[in-house]
Structure formats: C-alpha cells, structure tokens
Amino acid sequence: MVLSVDASSVELDKYEIWSGFKQLLPISMFVVVFAIAFGLAAAQTGLSEASTLLMSILVFAGAAQFAVLDLWGQHVPVIPLVITVFAINARHLLMGATLYPWLRELPRAKRYGVMMVVSDANWAMSMQAFNSGKRGMGLLFGGGLALWSAWSLGSWLGLKFGSVIQNPVSLGLDMVMGCFLLAMVLGGQKNLRMLIIWSVAAIASLLAYLYLPENSHVVTGALAGGLLGAVWTEKKNEH
C-alpha cells in the first residue's frame, strides 16, 4: 500500500529550492573540505583533472569515489569496482523507496532530476519535514544542489590546492556528517517504539560490520530497522 500524501507538500518552485539550498549551506562547508581531500587523492592516483571533475559532477558519491581510487590503476578491475560502488551506494535504493510517496507526485523528468542530488544529509532533513507534514521537496532538491555544488567545487580546489588539507580526519571532520545525522534522529519521534527500532538497526549494522562483507552494514542496518518499523506499524494500525 502506497502512502497517500498531499500534493501541495511536494511543490517545487524556486523559492522552496532556494530555501533548501540555504539550509544545507552550513553542512556543505564541511563537504568542501572532504572534496578537497578527494581532489588531492585523485591527482595523486593519476586521474586527470577532467576525469576527476566529471566523476564528482556526474557521480556525486563521496565514499564510492574514494573507494574507486583504491582500485584505480593501469588495469582497472571493472567487476570488483562495480560491485564495490554498488555496495556502498545501495542505501540509495532505500532512500528512493522512502521518498517514493512524495516523488511520485512529480513529473518523471523532475523526479529523476531530484534523485540525482540526493545524499544522506538532504534526505534526512527532507524526510523529517515530510513526516512532520511540512514541505520537504525544496530541502531535498535545493539542499542537494548545495551539497553537489560544494562537492564539485571542493574537488576542483583539491586538484589545485589540495596539499593544504591532506588529512581531514586528523581535524575530526570525519565526525561531522555522523553527528549531523544523529541530530536528525534525535529531532524525530521519541518513544519506546522508535528506540527499539533504532536499537535493532544499530545492532544489525554492527553485526554486519563485524561479520559480513565490507560496506554491507549500511544496507543491513537500514533493512533491519525499516522492516521492523513496517511490521510494528501494521500491527499497531490493526487495533
């Protein structure tokens, strides 16, 4: 059964987009730093400037792009590369599924255009808005444009001036996105049901991280929490 939504909640105009863009600008500043590190790493790996910039502009997937660099060489192992990138980005399948009730109200071209710039941060903020009955499409698309612009700009800066920030992890910047997403979780519903769902997701993710193939923990945790949430909701609605 597809969730019914108010069509007005998914209106996409320039004011909504600009508002979403501005709201994601703060987190975008940290994205620039990691993109600089990527640009530097890509240059050191031997990628041309054009290839690096095209990857950031068209792929827009930080973790996957770093993983590609680890596999890059004179003889690129295509199949392992594809499998690795798919595993890292598989969470986007789940993001798309959660966004579908709202995205289906858009024309197909706009729908896929929006999904091109979906990432963890703007997905989390837009879902929080949607679940609160607010407009979230501007956050999703406008915020995505802010993050995409930051990643593309940072990649270029990394190619030119990347030696300034060679290791953003040493500055603690690797914790920024995790803390941001945690804040999104804490800003949502607070009840026993949500506590148990998040706990199950966390435990499943931890076990997958320890015992399953690399990068599978993200999807495993999301599926465990999502399935429990779906089952629990159905049982609750029956009473």
Protein backbone atom coordinates (compact mmCIF):
# COMPACT_ATOMS: atom_id res chain seq x y z
CA MET A 1 0.00 0.00 0.00
CA VAL A 2 1.42 3.37 -1.06
CA LEU A 3 1.30 6.20 1.45
CA SER A 4 -1.11 8.95 0.42
CA VAL A 5 0.36 12.44 0.56
CA ASP A 6 -0.90 15.95 -0.03
CA ALA A 7 0.24 17.06 -3.49
CA SER A 8 0.84 20.59 -2.18
CA SER A 9 3.55 19.25 0.14
CA VAL A 10 5.74 18.35 -2.84
CA GLU A 11 5.50 21.60 -4.76
CA LEU A 12 8.85 22.54 -6.23
CA ASP A 13 9.40 26.21 -7.03
CA LYS A 14 12.42 28.48 -6.99
CA TYR A 15 11.62 29.86 -3.54
CA GLU A 16 11.42 26.39 -1.98
CA ILE A 17 14.62 25.37 -3.77
CA TRP A 18 16.49 28.48 -2.64
CA SER A 19 15.31 27.99 0.93
CA GLY A 20 16.53 24.39 0.90
CA PHE A 21 19.82 25.48 -0.62
CA LYS A 22 20.43 27.97 2.18
CA GLN A 23 19.51 25.49 4.91
CA LEU A 24 22.12 22.98 3.72
CA LEU A 25 24.89 25.54 3.21
CA PRO A 26 26.42 25.05 6.70
CA ILE A 27 26.93 21.30 6.26
CA SER A 28 28.12 21.97 2.70
CA MET A 29 31.14 23.81 4.07
CA PHE A 30 32.37 20.57 5.60
CA VAL A 31 31.63 18.72 2.37
CA VAL A 32 34.01 21.10 0.60
CA VAL A 33 36.84 20.01 2.91
CA PHE A 34 36.36 16.32 2.14
CA ALA A 35 36.03 17.08 -1.55
CA ILE A 36 39.39 18.86 -1.39
CA ALA A 37 40.88 15.70 0.07
CA PHE A 38 39.30 13.69 -2.74
CA GLY A 39 40.65 16.02 -5.41
CA LEU A 40 44.14 15.72 -3.96
CA ALA A 41 43.89 11.91 -3.69
CA ALA A 42 42.61 11.66 -7.26
CA ALA A 43 45.53 13.72 -8.54
CA GLN A 44 47.99 11.56 -6.61
CA THR A 45 46.36 8.43 -8.04
CA GLY A 46 46.94 9.67 -11.56
CA LEU A 47 43.45 10.70 -12.64
CA SER A 48 43.33 13.64 -14.98
CA GLU A 49 41.65 16.85 -13.88
CA ALA A 50 38.86 16.32 -16.39
CA SER A 51 38.17 12.77 -15.18
CA THR A 52 38.19 13.83 -11.55
CA LEU A 53 35.80 16.72 -12.09
CA LEU A 54 33.48 14.66 -14.27
CA MET A 55 33.37 11.96 -11.61
CA SER A 56 32.40 14.45 -8.91
CA ILE A 57 29.85 16.21 -11.10
CA LEU A 58 28.18 13.11 -12.54
CA VAL A 59 28.64 10.52 -9.78
CA PHE A 60 28.41 12.71 -6.66
CA ALA A 61 29.12 9.90 -4.20
CA GLY A 62 31.98 10.68 -1.85
CA ALA A 63 32.60 7.31 -0.22
CA ALA A 64 32.23 5.46 -3.51
CA GLN A 65 34.60 7.84 -5.27
CA PHE A 66 37.27 7.32 -2.63
CA ALA A 67 36.78 3.56 -3.00
CA VAL A 68 37.27 3.85 -6.76
CA LEU A 69 40.64 5.48 -6.18
CA ASP A 70 41.77 2.44 -4.19
CA LEU A 71 41.02 0.23 -7.19
CA TRP A 72 42.36 2.58 -9.84
CA GLY A 73 45.47 1.70 -11.79
CA GLN A 74 46.77 0.79 -15.21
CA HIS A 75 44.41 -2.19 -15.29
CA VAL A 76 41.12 -1.24 -13.66
CA PRO A 77 39.24 -4.30 -12.26
CA VAL A 78 35.84 -3.37 -13.66
CA ILE A 79 33.69 -6.04 -11.98
CA PRO A 80 35.11 -5.54 -8.45
CA LEU A 81 34.84 -1.79 -8.99
CA VAL A 82 31.16 -2.02 -9.96
CA ILE A 83 30.38 -4.34 -7.04
CA THR A 84 32.15 -2.06 -4.57
CA VAL A 85 30.41 1.08 -5.78
CA PHE A 86 27.03 -0.66 -5.77
CA ALA A 87 27.53 -1.94 -2.23
CA ILE A 88 28.48 1.49 -0.93
CA ASN A 89 25.60 3.24 -2.69
CA ALA A 90 22.96 0.55 -2.14
CA ARG A 91 21.43 2.72 0.57
CA HIS A 92 20.11 4.96 -2.20
CA LEU A 93 17.69 2.17 -3.12
CA LEU A 94 16.21 2.52 0.35
CA MET A 95 16.26 6.31 0.18
CA GLY A 96 14.36 6.20 -3.09
CA ALA A 97 11.81 3.82 -1.62
CA THR A 98 11.17 6.07 1.39
CA LEU A 99 10.85 9.13 -0.85
CA TYR A 100 8.60 7.49 -3.43
CA PRO A 101 5.25 8.59 -1.92
CA TRP A 102 6.32 12.20 -2.46
CA LEU A 103 8.43 11.83 -5.59
CA ARG A 104 5.63 10.08 -7.48
CA GLU A 105 3.70 13.36 -7.45
CA LEU A 106 6.38 14.94 -9.66
CA PRO A 107 6.74 14.54 -13.44
CA ARG A 108 9.23 11.81 -14.30
CA ALA A 109 11.95 14.19 -15.51
CA LYS A 110 11.81 16.22 -12.28
CA ARG A 111 11.67 13.04 -10.21
CA TYR A 112 14.94 11.70 -11.58
CA GLY A 113 16.49 15.14 -11.56
CA VAL A 114 15.84 15.40 -7.83
CA MET A 115 17.24 11.93 -7.18
CA MET A 116 20.49 12.87 -8.93
CA VAL A 117 21.41 15.12 -5.99
CA VAL A 118 20.01 13.06 -3.10
CA SER A 119 22.54 12.32 -0.37
CA ASP A 120 22.38 11.45 3.31
CA ALA A 121 22.03 14.99 4.65
CA ASN A 122 19.28 16.37 2.40
CA TRP A 123 17.42 13.05 2.51
CA ALA A 124 17.38 13.11 6.32
CA MET A 125 16.21 16.72 6.51
CA SER A 126 13.53 16.32 3.85
CA MET A 127 12.15 13.14 5.43
CA GLN A 128 11.96 14.92 8.77
CA ALA A 129 9.98 17.70 7.08
CA PHE A 130 7.69 15.31 5.19
CA ASN A 131 6.96 13.25 8.30
CA SER A 132 6.07 16.45 10.15
CA GLY A 133 3.56 17.41 7.46
CA LYS A 134 5.79 20.18 6.10
CA ARG A 135 7.09 20.82 2.61
CA GLY A 136 10.33 18.97 2.07
CA MET A 137 10.90 18.88 -1.67
CA GLY A 138 12.76 22.18 -1.65
CA LEU A 139 15.02 20.82 1.08
CA LEU A 140 15.60 17.67 -0.92
CA PHE A 141 16.43 19.34 -4.23
CA GLY A 142 17.74 22.72 -3.11
CA GLY A 143 19.77 21.16 -0.32
CA GLY A 144 21.06 18.57 -2.75
CA LEU A 145 22.20 21.31 -5.12
CA ALA A 146 24.10 22.94 -2.26
CA LEU A 147 25.85 19.68 -1.38
CA TRP A 148 26.53 18.82 -5.02
CA SER A 149 27.96 22.29 -5.67
CA ALA A 150 30.16 22.02 -2.59
CA TRP A 151 31.45 18.59 -3.61
CA SER A 152 32.18 19.71 -7.17
CA LEU A 153 33.86 22.93 -6.05
CA GLY A 154 35.90 21.14 -3.40
CA SER A 155 37.09 18.54 -5.90
CA TRP A 156 38.41 21.32 -8.13
CA LEU A 157 40.05 23.06 -5.20
CA GLY A 158 41.66 19.77 -4.20
CA LEU A 159 43.20 19.44 -7.64
CA LYS A 160 44.65 22.93 -7.37
CA PHE A 161 45.37 23.44 -3.67
CA GLY A 162 44.76 20.05 -2.05
CA SER A 163 48.05 19.92 -0.20
CA VAL A 164 46.63 22.42 2.31
CA ILE A 165 44.28 19.76 3.79
CA GLN A 166 45.76 16.34 3.16
CA ASN A 167 44.05 14.56 6.03
CA PRO A 168 40.66 15.99 7.14
CA VAL A 169 40.22 13.05 9.53
CA SER A 170 43.06 14.41 11.66
CA LEU A 171 40.94 17.52 12.21
CA GLY A 172 37.96 15.47 13.35
CA LEU A 173 35.96 16.45 10.28
CA ASP A 174 35.01 12.83 9.61
CA MET A 175 32.62 13.09 12.56
CA VAL A 176 30.61 15.99 11.15
CA MET A 177 28.22 14.00 8.95
CA GLY A 178 27.67 11.35 11.61
CA CYS A 179 26.83 13.98 14.22
CA PHE A 180 24.54 15.74 11.77
CA LEU A 181 22.56 12.57 11.03
CA LEU A 182 22.42 11.74 14.74
CA ALA A 183 20.91 15.17 15.36
CA MET A 184 18.27 14.41 12.72
CA VAL A 185 17.39 11.17 14.52
CA LEU A 186 17.14 12.87 17.91
CA GLY A 187 14.92 15.53 16.39
CA GLY A 188 12.36 12.92 15.36
CA GLN A 189 9.82 10.97 17.38
CA LYS A 190 10.88 9.95 20.87
CA ASN A 191 9.05 6.88 22.14
CA LEU A 192 9.70 3.25 23.01
CA ARG A 193 8.85 2.05 19.50
CA MET A 194 11.43 4.34 17.87
CA LEU A 195 14.04 3.47 20.49
CA ILE A 196 13.66 -0.25 19.80
CA ILE A 197 13.67 0.23 16.02
CA TRP A 198 16.85 2.30 16.10
CA SER A 199 18.46 -0.16 18.52
CA VAL A 200 17.70 -3.10 16.24
CA ALA A 201 19.07 -1.19 13.25
CA ALA A 202 22.24 -0.31 15.16
CA ILE A 203 22.82 -3.87 16.38
CA ALA A 204 22.19 -5.33 12.91
CA SER A 205 24.55 -2.80 11.37
CA LEU A 206 27.26 -3.55 13.94
CA LEU A 207 27.00 -7.31 13.41
CA ALA A 208 27.12 -6.83 9.64
CA TYR A 209 30.17 -4.60 10.02
CA LEU A 210 31.93 -7.31 12.03
CA TYR A 211 30.91 -10.42 10.10
CA LEU A 212 29.59 -9.54 6.62
CA PRO A 213 31.36 -8.18 3.51
CA GLU A 214 32.66 -4.64 3.58
CA ASN A 215 30.10 -1.82 3.24
CA SER A 216 27.13 -4.16 3.74
CA HIS A 217 26.45 -2.81 7.24
CA VAL A 218 24.68 0.32 5.97
CA VAL A 219 22.07 -1.57 3.99
CA THR A 220 21.75 -4.30 6.62
CA GLY A 221 21.02 -1.83 9.41
CA ALA A 222 18.57 0.12 7.27
CA LEU A 223 16.70 -3.03 6.22
CA ALA A 224 16.52 -4.38 9.77
CA GLY A 225 15.17 -1.13 11.19
CA GLY A 226 12.89 -0.49 8.22
CA LEU A 227 11.33 -3.95 8.26
CA LEU A 228 10.72 -3.81 12.00
CA GLY A 229 9.17 -0.37 11.62
CA ALA A 230 6.87 -1.58 8.85
CA VAL A 231 5.73 -4.65 10.80
CA TRP A 232 5.23 -2.75 14.04
CA THR A 233 3.19 -0.03 12.30
CA GLU A 234 0.90 -2.58 10.67
CA LYS A 235 0.24 -4.32 13.97
CA LYS A 236 -0.43 -1.01 15.66
CA ASN A 237 -2.91 0.04 13.00
CA GLU A 238 -4.87 -3.15 13.37
CA HIS A 239 -6.08 -2.15 16.86
